[in-house]
Amino acid sequence: MPPTDRELHDREVPQGHPLDPAGRVVLGPEEIARALRRIAHEILESNKGAEDLILLGIPSRGVTLAHRLAELIADVEGTEVPVGSLDITLHRDDLRDNPTRTPMRTRIPATGVDDKVVVLVDDVLYSGRSVRAALDALADLGRPRAVRLAVLVDRGHRELPIRADHVGKNLPTAHTEKVQVRLQVHDGVEDTVRIAHGQTHVGGR
């Protein structure tokens, strides 16, 4: 079932850095849609169906992607997969450098996570530190049977031994480049992934 207007409102967070007009579009709406369909099928194949699956999006755009994957899985299996969000703010290893960082929403499906197959969903995988924080946050909530990771873009440059199970697009980048993801439901603009040059990255840790 598509998210309600209230759910979409609750999901809203600051939009972050504006799009760089000089950025190069590497994925458009059709490519993103195809990547998500493939990820949905991979999740079902890996799990041998939708039983005991839970999708937890890492705010902010990971939550939007988790809802879209749930809709695609429902189209294939006729089964609604529970979707939630997992705030990682208090588990980030850079919190001391930015102690005023505002926590986002954590919403865990009523079934809980114990003995479930939890698929963490994020937009960009970079150093792996956000995923490590998500694993720590998840450990506070219960003991899943298995935890998997699905990302729209893997841009490389890992700093921790973390690998995604399901990747929409492997996108080699330089450290100085920015990966900018925009999703229509979240941002109110056309689905795109851009690469732009800059001194700091945007999207994924």
N, C-alpha and C. Protein backbone atom coordinates (compact mmCIF):
# COMPACT_ATOMS: atom_id res chain seq x y z
N MET A 1 0.84 -1.19 0.00
CA MET A 1 0.00 0.00 0.00
C MET A 1 0.88 1.25 0.00
N PRO A 2 0.63 2.23 -0.87
CA PRO A 2 1.44 3.45 -0.90
C PRO A 2 1.35 4.19 0.42
N PRO A 3 2.41 4.92 0.82
CA PRO A 3 2.37 5.68 2.07
C PRO A 3 1.30 6.75 2.01
N THR A 4 0.69 7.03 3.17
CA THR A 4 -0.32 8.06 3.25
C THR A 4 0.32 9.43 3.24
N ASP A 5 -0.52 10.47 3.05
CA ASP A 5 -0.01 11.84 3.08
C ASP A 5 0.65 12.13 4.42
N ARG A 6 0.05 11.59 5.49
CA ARG A 6 0.63 11.82 6.82
C ARG A 6 1.99 11.15 6.94
N GLU A 7 2.11 9.96 6.42
CA GLU A 7 3.40 9.27 6.47
C GLU A 7 4.46 10.02 5.68
N LEU A 8 4.05 10.54 4.52
CA LEU A 8 4.99 11.30 3.72
C LEU A 8 5.41 12.57 4.45
N HIS A 9 4.46 13.22 5.11
CA HIS A 9 4.80 14.42 5.87
C HIS A 9 5.77 14.10 7.00
N ASP A 10 5.49 13.00 7.70
CA ASP A 10 6.35 12.61 8.82
C ASP A 10 7.75 12.23 8.36
N ARG A 11 7.85 11.83 7.10
CA ARG A 11 9.13 11.39 6.58
C ARG A 11 10.01 12.57 6.18
N GLU A 12 9.41 13.74 6.02
CA GLU A 12 10.16 14.87 5.51
C GLU A 12 11.27 15.31 6.47
N VAL A 13 12.41 15.61 5.91
CA VAL A 13 13.55 16.11 6.66
C VAL A 13 14.18 17.20 5.80
N PRO A 14 15.10 17.99 6.36
CA PRO A 14 15.77 19.00 5.53
C PRO A 14 16.37 18.38 4.28
N GLN A 15 16.27 19.10 3.20
CA GLN A 15 16.64 18.55 1.89
C GLN A 15 18.15 18.49 1.65
N GLY A 16 18.94 19.12 2.49
CA GLY A 16 20.37 19.05 2.31
C GLY A 16 20.86 20.04 1.25
N HIS A 17 22.01 19.76 0.68
CA HIS A 17 22.63 20.67 -0.26
C HIS A 17 21.80 20.77 -1.55
N PRO A 18 21.73 21.97 -2.13
CA PRO A 18 21.00 22.11 -3.40
C PRO A 18 21.74 21.37 -4.50
N LEU A 19 20.98 21.02 -5.53
CA LEU A 19 21.60 20.35 -6.67
C LEU A 19 22.63 21.25 -7.33
N ASP A 20 23.74 20.67 -7.71
CA ASP A 20 24.76 21.39 -8.44
C ASP A 20 24.34 21.45 -9.91
N PRO A 21 24.09 22.63 -10.46
CA PRO A 21 23.63 22.70 -11.86
C PRO A 21 24.65 22.15 -12.85
N ALA A 22 25.90 22.07 -12.40
CA ALA A 22 26.93 21.52 -13.29
C ALA A 22 27.03 20.00 -13.18
N GLY A 23 26.19 19.41 -12.33
CA GLY A 23 26.25 17.97 -12.13
C GLY A 23 25.84 17.18 -13.37
N ARG A 24 26.40 16.01 -13.49
CA ARG A 24 26.11 15.13 -14.62
C ARG A 24 25.11 14.06 -14.20
N VAL A 25 24.00 13.96 -14.90
CA VAL A 25 22.99 12.96 -14.58
C VAL A 25 23.49 11.58 -15.03
N VAL A 26 23.56 10.65 -14.08
CA VAL A 26 24.02 9.29 -14.39
C VAL A 26 22.88 8.28 -14.32
N LEU A 27 21.82 8.62 -13.61
CA LEU A 27 20.63 7.77 -13.59
C LEU A 27 19.40 8.67 -13.66
N GLY A 28 18.51 8.37 -14.59
CA GLY A 28 17.25 9.09 -14.69
C GLY A 28 16.12 8.25 -14.14
N PRO A 29 14.88 8.72 -14.28
CA PRO A 29 13.72 8.01 -13.71
C PRO A 29 13.59 6.56 -14.18
N GLU A 30 13.79 6.32 -15.46
CA GLU A 30 13.62 4.96 -15.98
C GLU A 30 14.70 4.02 -15.46
N GLU A 31 15.93 4.53 -15.41
CA GLU A 31 17.03 3.70 -14.90
C GLU A 31 16.84 3.39 -13.41
N ILE A 32 16.39 4.36 -12.65
CA ILE A 32 16.14 4.15 -11.23
C ILE A 32 15.00 3.15 -11.04
N ALA A 33 13.95 3.28 -11.82
CA ALA A 33 12.82 2.35 -11.72
C ALA A 33 13.27 0.92 -12.04
N ARG A 34 14.09 0.76 -13.08
CA ARG A 34 14.57 -0.58 -13.44
C ARG A 34 15.46 -1.14 -12.33
N ALA A 35 16.32 -0.29 -11.76
CA ALA A 35 17.21 -0.75 -10.69
C ALA A 35 16.41 -1.22 -9.48
N LEU A 36 15.36 -0.50 -9.13
CA LEU A 36 14.55 -0.88 -7.98
C LEU A 36 13.78 -2.16 -8.25
N ARG A 37 13.27 -2.33 -9.47
CA ARG A 37 12.59 -3.58 -9.80
C ARG A 37 13.54 -4.76 -9.67
N ARG A 38 14.75 -4.58 -10.15
CA ARG A 38 15.72 -5.68 -10.05
C ARG A 38 16.05 -5.99 -8.60
N ILE A 39 16.25 -4.95 -7.78
CA ILE A 39 16.54 -5.16 -6.36
C ILE A 39 15.38 -5.91 -5.69
N ALA A 40 14.14 -5.51 -6.00
CA ALA A 40 12.99 -6.18 -5.41
C ALA A 40 12.98 -7.67 -5.74
N HIS A 41 13.26 -8.00 -7.00
CA HIS A 41 13.30 -9.41 -7.40
C HIS A 41 14.46 -10.14 -6.72
N GLU A 42 15.60 -9.47 -6.58
CA GLU A 42 16.74 -10.09 -5.90
C GLU A 42 16.43 -10.38 -4.44
N ILE A 43 15.75 -9.45 -3.78
CA ILE A 43 15.38 -9.65 -2.38
C ILE A 43 14.48 -10.88 -2.24
N LEU A 44 13.49 -10.98 -3.13
CA LEU A 44 12.57 -12.12 -3.08
C LEU A 44 13.29 -13.43 -3.38
N GLU A 45 14.19 -13.39 -4.35
CA GLU A 45 14.93 -14.61 -4.69
C GLU A 45 15.82 -15.04 -3.54
N SER A 46 16.51 -14.08 -2.94
CA SER A 46 17.41 -14.38 -1.83
C SER A 46 16.66 -14.94 -0.63
N ASN A 47 15.46 -14.39 -0.39
CA ASN A 47 14.67 -14.80 0.77
C ASN A 47 13.73 -15.96 0.46
N LYS A 48 13.68 -16.38 -0.83
CA LYS A 48 12.74 -17.41 -1.28
C LYS A 48 11.30 -17.01 -0.97
N GLY A 49 10.98 -15.75 -1.30
CA GLY A 49 9.63 -15.24 -1.07
C GLY A 49 9.65 -14.06 -0.12
N ALA A 50 8.46 -13.64 0.30
CA ALA A 50 8.34 -12.45 1.14
C ALA A 50 8.14 -12.77 2.61
N GLU A 51 8.12 -14.03 2.96
CA GLU A 51 7.84 -14.41 4.35
C GLU A 51 8.91 -13.89 5.30
N ASP A 52 8.47 -13.29 6.39
CA ASP A 52 9.33 -12.80 7.48
C ASP A 52 10.24 -11.65 7.05
N LEU A 53 9.95 -11.02 5.92
CA LEU A 53 10.75 -9.88 5.47
C LEU A 53 10.29 -8.60 6.14
N ILE A 54 11.24 -7.74 6.47
CA ILE A 54 10.98 -6.38 6.93
C ILE A 54 11.96 -5.45 6.21
N LEU A 55 11.47 -4.34 5.68
CA LEU A 55 12.32 -3.34 5.05
C LEU A 55 12.44 -2.15 5.99
N LEU A 56 13.66 -1.78 6.36
CA LEU A 56 13.90 -0.62 7.21
C LEU A 56 14.74 0.38 6.44
N GLY A 57 14.16 1.54 6.15
CA GLY A 57 14.89 2.58 5.45
C GLY A 57 15.71 3.41 6.40
N ILE A 58 16.92 3.78 5.95
CA ILE A 58 17.77 4.69 6.71
C ILE A 58 17.43 6.10 6.25
N PRO A 59 16.91 6.95 7.17
CA PRO A 59 16.51 8.29 6.74
C PRO A 59 17.66 9.05 6.12
N SER A 60 17.40 9.88 5.08
CA SER A 60 15.99 10.14 4.81
C SER A 60 15.50 9.42 3.54
N ARG A 61 16.27 9.45 2.47
CA ARG A 61 15.78 8.88 1.21
C ARG A 61 15.72 7.36 1.23
N GLY A 62 16.43 6.74 2.14
CA GLY A 62 16.32 5.29 2.28
C GLY A 62 14.92 4.85 2.65
N VAL A 63 14.18 5.71 3.38
CA VAL A 63 12.81 5.38 3.75
C VAL A 63 11.92 5.41 2.51
N THR A 64 12.08 6.42 1.69
CA THR A 64 11.32 6.49 0.44
C THR A 64 11.60 5.27 -0.43
N LEU A 65 12.86 4.90 -0.54
CA LEU A 65 13.21 3.74 -1.36
C LEU A 65 12.64 2.45 -0.77
N ALA A 66 12.62 2.32 0.55
CA ALA A 66 12.06 1.13 1.18
C ALA A 66 10.58 0.98 0.85
N HIS A 67 9.84 2.09 0.86
CA HIS A 67 8.42 2.04 0.50
C HIS A 67 8.24 1.64 -0.97
N ARG A 68 9.09 2.15 -1.83
CA ARG A 68 8.98 1.80 -3.24
C ARG A 68 9.29 0.31 -3.46
N LEU A 69 10.29 -0.20 -2.77
CA LEU A 69 10.60 -1.62 -2.89
C LEU A 69 9.45 -2.48 -2.37
N ALA A 70 8.82 -2.04 -1.28
CA ALA A 70 7.69 -2.79 -0.73
C ALA A 70 6.55 -2.85 -1.74
N GLU A 71 6.30 -1.76 -2.44
CA GLU A 71 5.24 -1.73 -3.46
C GLU A 71 5.57 -2.69 -4.60
N LEU A 72 6.84 -2.72 -5.01
CA LEU A 72 7.25 -3.62 -6.09
C LEU A 72 7.14 -5.08 -5.66
N ILE A 73 7.52 -5.37 -4.43
CA ILE A 73 7.40 -6.74 -3.91
C ILE A 73 5.94 -7.15 -3.85
N ALA A 74 5.08 -6.23 -3.43
CA ALA A 74 3.64 -6.53 -3.38
C ALA A 74 3.09 -6.83 -4.77
N ASP A 75 3.59 -6.12 -5.77
CA ASP A 75 3.14 -6.36 -7.15
C ASP A 75 3.50 -7.77 -7.61
N VAL A 76 4.66 -8.25 -7.17
CA VAL A 76 5.13 -9.57 -7.60
C VAL A 76 4.50 -10.69 -6.78
N GLU A 77 4.49 -10.51 -5.44
CA GLU A 77 4.09 -11.58 -4.54
C GLU A 77 2.65 -11.49 -4.06
N GLY A 78 2.05 -10.30 -4.21
CA GLY A 78 0.72 -10.10 -3.64
C GLY A 78 0.74 -10.06 -2.13
N THR A 79 1.90 -9.77 -1.56
CA THR A 79 2.08 -9.73 -0.11
C THR A 79 2.63 -8.38 0.30
N GLU A 80 2.04 -7.79 1.32
CA GLU A 80 2.54 -6.52 1.83
C GLU A 80 3.66 -6.78 2.83
N VAL A 81 4.83 -6.26 2.52
CA VAL A 81 5.99 -6.40 3.40
C VAL A 81 6.03 -5.20 4.35
N PRO A 82 6.17 -5.44 5.65
CA PRO A 82 6.25 -4.32 6.60
C PRO A 82 7.44 -3.41 6.30
N VAL A 83 7.20 -2.11 6.43
CA VAL A 83 8.23 -1.10 6.17
C VAL A 83 8.36 -0.21 7.40
N GLY A 84 9.58 0.13 7.74
CA GLY A 84 9.83 1.05 8.84
C GLY A 84 11.01 1.94 8.54
N SER A 85 11.37 2.75 9.51
CA SER A 85 12.54 3.62 9.38
C SER A 85 13.43 3.44 10.59
N LEU A 86 14.72 3.60 10.40
CA LEU A 86 15.69 3.35 11.46
C LEU A 86 16.63 4.54 11.59
N ASP A 87 16.42 5.35 12.63
CA ASP A 87 17.28 6.51 12.85
C ASP A 87 18.64 6.06 13.36
N ILE A 88 19.70 6.62 12.80
CA ILE A 88 21.06 6.22 13.20
C ILE A 88 21.80 7.35 13.89
N THR A 89 21.11 8.46 14.14
CA THR A 89 21.78 9.68 14.61
C THR A 89 22.67 9.43 15.83
N LEU A 90 22.12 8.80 16.86
CA LEU A 90 22.85 8.65 18.12
C LEU A 90 23.92 7.58 18.05
N HIS A 91 24.00 6.88 16.93
CA HIS A 91 25.02 5.84 16.77
C HIS A 91 26.12 6.24 15.80
N ARG A 92 26.03 7.45 15.27
CA ARG A 92 27.04 7.92 14.31
C ARG A 92 28.37 8.17 15.03
N ASP A 93 29.47 7.86 14.36
CA ASP A 93 30.77 8.07 15.00
C ASP A 93 31.28 9.50 14.84
N ASP A 94 30.50 10.36 14.16
CA ASP A 94 30.89 11.77 14.06
C ASP A 94 29.99 12.66 14.92
N LEU A 95 29.25 12.05 15.85
CA LEU A 95 28.29 12.82 16.65
C LEU A 95 28.98 13.86 17.52
N ARG A 96 30.17 13.53 18.00
CA ARG A 96 30.87 14.49 18.86
C ARG A 96 31.29 15.74 18.09
N ASP A 97 31.45 15.59 16.77
CA ASP A 97 31.80 16.75 15.94
C ASP A 97 30.58 17.59 15.59
N ASN A 98 29.39 17.00 15.73
CA ASN A 98 28.16 17.72 15.42
C ASN A 98 27.09 17.31 16.43
N PRO A 99 27.25 17.74 17.70
CA PRO A 99 26.35 17.28 18.76
C PRO A 99 24.93 17.81 18.63
N THR A 100 24.70 18.81 17.78
CA THR A 100 23.36 19.37 17.63
C THR A 100 22.56 18.68 16.52
N ARG A 101 23.10 17.61 15.97
CA ARG A 101 22.41 16.88 14.91
C ARG A 101 21.03 16.43 15.41
N THR A 102 20.00 16.68 14.64
CA THR A 102 18.63 16.39 15.06
C THR A 102 18.28 14.93 14.76
N PRO A 103 17.83 14.18 15.78
CA PRO A 103 17.40 12.81 15.52
C PRO A 103 16.21 12.77 14.57
N MET A 104 16.13 11.72 13.78
CA MET A 104 15.01 11.51 12.88
C MET A 104 14.11 10.43 13.47
N ARG A 105 13.12 9.98 12.71
CA ARG A 105 12.15 9.03 13.24
C ARG A 105 12.62 7.59 13.07
N THR A 106 12.42 6.81 14.14
CA THR A 106 12.54 5.36 14.05
C THR A 106 11.14 4.78 14.19
N ARG A 107 10.75 4.00 13.20
CA ARG A 107 9.44 3.34 13.23
C ARG A 107 9.64 1.88 12.90
N ILE A 108 9.37 1.03 13.87
CA ILE A 108 9.54 -0.40 13.69
C ILE A 108 8.17 -1.04 13.53
N PRO A 109 7.96 -1.88 12.52
CA PRO A 109 6.67 -2.55 12.36
C PRO A 109 6.24 -3.29 13.62
N ALA A 110 4.94 -3.45 13.76
CA ALA A 110 4.39 -4.06 14.97
C ALA A 110 4.92 -5.47 15.22
N THR A 111 5.34 -6.15 14.16
CA THR A 111 5.87 -7.51 14.31
C THR A 111 7.22 -7.52 15.01
N GLY A 112 7.89 -6.37 15.11
CA GLY A 112 9.23 -6.33 15.66
C GLY A 112 10.24 -6.90 14.69
N VAL A 113 11.49 -7.00 15.14
CA VAL A 113 12.55 -7.49 14.26
C VAL A 113 13.09 -8.85 14.67
N ASP A 114 12.70 -9.35 15.83
CA ASP A 114 13.22 -10.63 16.29
C ASP A 114 12.88 -11.75 15.32
N ASP A 115 13.91 -12.50 14.93
CA ASP A 115 13.77 -13.66 14.04
C ASP A 115 13.21 -13.30 12.68
N LYS A 116 13.33 -12.02 12.27
CA LYS A 116 12.92 -11.59 10.95
C LYS A 116 14.15 -11.40 10.06
N VAL A 117 13.90 -11.36 8.76
CA VAL A 117 14.96 -11.01 7.82
C VAL A 117 14.80 -9.52 7.52
N VAL A 118 15.72 -8.73 8.05
CA VAL A 118 15.66 -7.28 7.93
C VAL A 118 16.53 -6.82 6.78
N VAL A 119 15.93 -6.09 5.86
CA VAL A 119 16.69 -5.50 4.76
C VAL A 119 16.81 -4.01 5.04
N LEU A 120 18.03 -3.56 5.32
CA LEU A 120 18.30 -2.14 5.47
C LEU A 120 18.37 -1.52 4.08
N VAL A 121 17.75 -0.35 3.91
CA VAL A 121 17.68 0.29 2.61
C VAL A 121 18.25 1.70 2.71
N ASP A 122 19.17 2.04 1.81
CA ASP A 122 19.74 3.39 1.80
C ASP A 122 19.92 3.82 0.35
N ASP A 123 20.11 5.13 0.17
CA ASP A 123 20.27 5.62 -1.21
C ASP A 123 21.69 5.44 -1.72
N VAL A 124 22.69 5.80 -0.91
CA VAL A 124 24.09 5.76 -1.37
C VAL A 124 24.94 5.06 -0.31
N LEU A 125 25.76 4.13 -0.75
CA LEU A 125 26.75 3.49 0.12
C LEU A 125 28.11 4.06 -0.22
N TYR A 126 28.78 4.57 0.81
CA TYR A 126 30.07 5.24 0.61
C TYR A 126 31.10 4.59 1.54
N SER A 127 31.40 5.21 2.66
CA SER A 127 32.42 4.67 3.56
C SER A 127 31.96 3.43 4.31
N GLY A 128 30.64 3.29 4.48
CA GLY A 128 30.10 2.19 5.27
C GLY A 128 29.78 2.57 6.70
N ARG A 129 30.11 3.79 7.10
CA ARG A 129 29.91 4.19 8.49
C ARG A 129 28.44 4.37 8.86
N SER A 130 27.63 4.82 7.91
CA SER A 130 26.19 4.92 8.19
C SER A 130 25.59 3.53 8.39
N VAL A 131 26.04 2.57 7.61
CA VAL A 131 25.53 1.20 7.76
C VAL A 131 25.96 0.62 9.09
N ARG A 132 27.21 0.87 9.49
CA ARG A 132 27.64 0.40 10.81
C ARG A 132 26.77 0.98 11.90
N ALA A 133 26.46 2.28 11.80
CA ALA A 133 25.59 2.92 12.78
C ALA A 133 24.20 2.29 12.76
N ALA A 134 23.71 1.95 11.57
CA ALA A 134 22.40 1.32 11.46
C ALA A 134 22.39 -0.06 12.11
N LEU A 135 23.47 -0.81 11.96
CA LEU A 135 23.56 -2.12 12.60
C LEU A 135 23.56 -1.98 14.11
N ASP A 136 24.25 -0.96 14.63
CA ASP A 136 24.24 -0.72 16.08
C ASP A 136 22.84 -0.34 16.56
N ALA A 137 22.17 0.52 15.79
CA ALA A 137 20.81 0.92 16.16
C ALA A 137 19.86 -0.27 16.12
N LEU A 138 20.02 -1.12 15.13
CA LEU A 138 19.16 -2.30 15.01
C LEU A 138 19.38 -3.27 16.16
N ALA A 139 20.62 -3.40 16.60
CA ALA A 139 20.93 -4.30 17.71
C ALA A 139 20.22 -3.89 18.98
N ASP A 140 19.92 -2.60 19.12
CA ASP A 140 19.19 -2.12 20.30
C ASP A 140 17.73 -2.52 20.28
N LEU A 141 17.24 -2.94 19.10
CA LEU A 141 15.81 -3.19 18.94
C LEU A 141 15.44 -4.66 18.97
N GLY A 142 16.41 -5.53 18.82
CA GLY A 142 16.10 -6.95 18.81
C GLY A 142 17.16 -7.75 18.10
N ARG A 143 16.82 -8.99 17.82
CA ARG A 143 17.77 -9.91 17.20
C ARG A 143 17.16 -10.51 15.93
N PRO A 144 17.43 -9.89 14.80
CA PRO A 144 16.92 -10.45 13.53
C PRO A 144 17.58 -11.78 13.21
N ARG A 145 16.89 -12.58 12.41
CA ARG A 145 17.48 -13.82 11.93
C ARG A 145 18.63 -13.53 10.98
N ALA A 146 18.46 -12.49 10.15
CA ALA A 146 19.48 -12.08 9.19
C ALA A 146 19.27 -10.62 8.88
N VAL A 147 20.37 -9.95 8.52
CA VAL A 147 20.31 -8.55 8.11
C VAL A 147 20.99 -8.43 6.76
N ARG A 148 20.31 -7.79 5.83
CA ARG A 148 20.87 -7.58 4.50
C ARG A 148 20.82 -6.09 4.18
N LEU A 149 21.54 -5.71 3.15
CA LEU A 149 21.65 -4.30 2.79
C LEU A 149 21.34 -4.11 1.32
N ALA A 150 20.42 -3.16 1.03
CA ALA A 150 20.08 -2.80 -0.34
C ALA A 150 20.32 -1.31 -0.52
N VAL A 151 21.06 -0.95 -1.57
CA VAL A 151 21.35 0.46 -1.83
C VAL A 151 21.09 0.76 -3.30
N LEU A 152 20.66 1.99 -3.56
CA LEU A 152 20.46 2.40 -4.94
C LEU A 152 21.80 2.57 -5.65
N VAL A 153 22.77 3.19 -4.96
CA VAL A 153 24.08 3.47 -5.55
C VAL A 153 25.19 3.06 -4.59
N ASP A 154 26.17 2.35 -5.11
CA ASP A 154 27.41 2.08 -4.37
C ASP A 154 28.51 2.88 -5.06
N ARG A 155 29.02 3.89 -4.36
CA ARG A 155 30.01 4.77 -4.97
C ARG A 155 31.46 4.40 -4.60
N GLY A 156 31.63 3.31 -3.83
CA GLY A 156 32.98 2.88 -3.49
C GLY A 156 33.56 3.62 -2.31
N HIS A 157 34.89 3.52 -2.13
CA HIS A 157 35.64 4.21 -1.08
C HIS A 157 35.27 3.71 0.32
N ARG A 158 35.12 2.40 0.47
CA ARG A 158 34.76 1.85 1.77
C ARG A 158 35.87 2.05 2.80
N GLU A 159 35.48 2.39 4.02
CA GLU A 159 36.41 2.52 5.14
C GLU A 159 36.20 1.40 6.16
N LEU A 160 35.14 0.64 6.00
CA LEU A 160 34.82 -0.47 6.89
C LEU A 160 34.49 -1.69 6.02
N PRO A 161 34.64 -2.91 6.58
CA PRO A 161 34.38 -4.13 5.78
C PRO A 161 32.89 -4.39 5.64
N ILE A 162 32.23 -3.54 4.87
CA ILE A 162 30.78 -3.63 4.67
C ILE A 162 30.50 -3.70 3.18
N ARG A 163 29.60 -4.61 2.80
CA ARG A 163 29.26 -4.80 1.38
C ARG A 163 27.75 -4.91 1.26
N ALA A 164 27.20 -4.28 0.23
CA ALA A 164 25.76 -4.37 0.00
C ALA A 164 25.41 -5.70 -0.65
N ASP A 165 24.27 -6.26 -0.28
CA ASP A 165 23.78 -7.49 -0.89
C ASP A 165 23.06 -7.20 -2.20
N HIS A 166 22.44 -6.03 -2.29
CA HIS A 166 21.66 -5.66 -3.47
C HIS A 166 22.01 -4.23 -3.85
N VAL A 167 22.50 -4.04 -5.06
CA VAL A 167 22.97 -2.73 -5.53
C VAL A 167 22.28 -2.37 -6.84
N GLY A 168 21.70 -1.18 -6.87
CA GLY A 168 21.09 -0.72 -8.11
C GLY A 168 22.11 -0.36 -9.16
N LYS A 169 23.17 0.34 -8.74
CA LYS A 169 24.20 0.78 -9.68
C LYS A 169 25.52 0.97 -8.95
N ASN A 170 26.57 0.30 -9.43
CA ASN A 170 27.92 0.57 -8.95
C ASN A 170 28.45 1.78 -9.70
N LEU A 171 28.84 2.81 -8.96
CA LEU A 171 29.17 4.09 -9.58
C LEU A 171 30.54 4.56 -9.06
N PRO A 172 31.63 4.18 -9.74
CA PRO A 172 32.95 4.62 -9.29
C PRO A 172 33.02 6.15 -9.26
N THR A 173 33.55 6.68 -8.17
CA THR A 173 33.65 8.13 -8.00
C THR A 173 34.98 8.49 -7.38
N ALA A 174 35.33 9.76 -7.48
CA ALA A 174 36.47 10.30 -6.73
C ALA A 174 35.97 10.83 -5.40
N HIS A 175 36.89 10.90 -4.42
CA HIS A 175 36.51 11.44 -3.11
C HIS A 175 35.96 12.85 -3.23
N THR A 176 36.46 13.60 -4.18
CA THR A 176 36.06 15.00 -4.30
C THR A 176 34.74 15.19 -5.02
N GLU A 177 34.18 14.11 -5.53
CA GLU A 177 32.90 14.22 -6.22
C GLU A 177 31.74 14.06 -5.26
N LYS A 178 30.61 14.65 -5.62
CA LYS A 178 29.38 14.53 -4.85
C LYS A 178 28.41 13.64 -5.62
N VAL A 179 27.75 12.75 -4.89
CA VAL A 179 26.66 11.96 -5.47
C VAL A 179 25.37 12.52 -4.91
N GLN A 180 24.52 13.03 -5.78
CA GLN A 180 23.29 13.69 -5.36
C GLN A 180 22.08 12.90 -5.87
N VAL A 181 21.33 12.36 -4.93
CA VAL A 181 20.13 11.59 -5.24
C VAL A 181 18.90 12.46 -4.97
N ARG A 182 17.98 12.49 -5.91
CA ARG A 182 16.71 13.18 -5.71
C ARG A 182 15.59 12.23 -6.12
N LEU A 183 14.55 12.15 -5.27
CA LEU A 183 13.42 11.26 -5.51
C LEU A 183 12.14 12.07 -5.50
N GLN A 184 11.27 11.77 -6.44
CA GLN A 184 10.09 12.61 -6.65
C GLN A 184 9.24 12.74 -5.39
N VAL A 185 8.96 11.62 -4.71
CA VAL A 185 8.11 11.67 -3.52
C VAL A 185 8.76 12.48 -2.41
N HIS A 186 10.05 12.33 -2.26
CA HIS A 186 10.76 12.99 -1.17
C HIS A 186 11.08 14.44 -1.48
N ASP A 187 11.54 14.71 -2.69
CA ASP A 187 12.08 16.02 -3.04
C ASP A 187 11.16 16.86 -3.91
N GLY A 188 10.14 16.24 -4.48
CA GLY A 188 9.25 16.99 -5.34
C GLY A 188 9.82 17.29 -6.71
N VAL A 189 10.89 16.58 -7.08
CA VAL A 189 11.49 16.74 -8.41
C VAL A 189 11.68 15.36 -9.01
N GLU A 190 12.01 15.33 -10.29
CA GLU A 190 12.18 14.07 -11.01
C GLU A 190 13.27 13.21 -10.38
N ASP A 191 13.03 11.89 -10.37
CA ASP A 191 14.04 10.95 -9.86
C ASP A 191 15.32 11.10 -10.66
N THR A 192 16.43 11.38 -9.97
CA THR A 192 17.73 11.46 -10.64
C THR A 192 18.85 11.10 -9.67
N VAL A 193 19.94 10.64 -10.24
CA VAL A 193 21.21 10.54 -9.52
C VAL A 193 22.22 11.33 -10.34
N ARG A 194 22.89 12.28 -9.68
CA ARG A 194 23.88 13.12 -10.35
C ARG A 194 25.24 12.95 -9.69
N ILE A 195 26.27 13.21 -10.49
CA ILE A 195 27.63 13.33 -9.96
C ILE A 195 28.10 14.75 -10.24
N ALA A 196 28.61 15.39 -9.22
CA ALA A 196 29.12 16.75 -9.37
C ALA A 196 30.45 16.85 -8.63
N HIS A 197 31.25 17.82 -9.03
CA HIS A 197 32.53 18.02 -8.37
C HIS A 197 32.35 18.93 -7.16
N GLY A 198 33.11 18.66 -6.13
CA GLY A 198 33.04 19.48 -4.93
C GLY A 198 34.05 19.00 -3.92
N GLN A 199 34.19 19.76 -2.84
CA GLN A 199 35.17 19.42 -1.82
C GLN A 199 34.62 18.45 -0.79
N THR A 200 33.29 18.30 -0.74
CA THR A 200 32.69 17.36 0.18
C THR A 200 31.68 16.53 -0.58
N HIS A 201 31.43 15.31 -0.08
CA HIS A 201 30.47 14.46 -0.75
C HIS A 201 29.07 14.72 -0.19
N VAL A 202 28.07 14.39 -0.96
CA VAL A 202 26.69 14.45 -0.51
C VAL A 202 26.05 13.12 -0.85
N GLY A 203 25.56 12.43 0.13
CA GLY A 203 24.92 11.14 -0.12
C GLY A 203 25.81 9.99 0.31
N GLY A 204 25.41 9.34 1.40
CA GLY A 204 26.11 8.14 1.85
C GLY A 204 27.30 8.43 2.74
N ARG A 205 27.48 7.55 3.75
CA ARG A 205 28.64 7.59 4.60
C ARG A 205 29.23 6.19 4.71
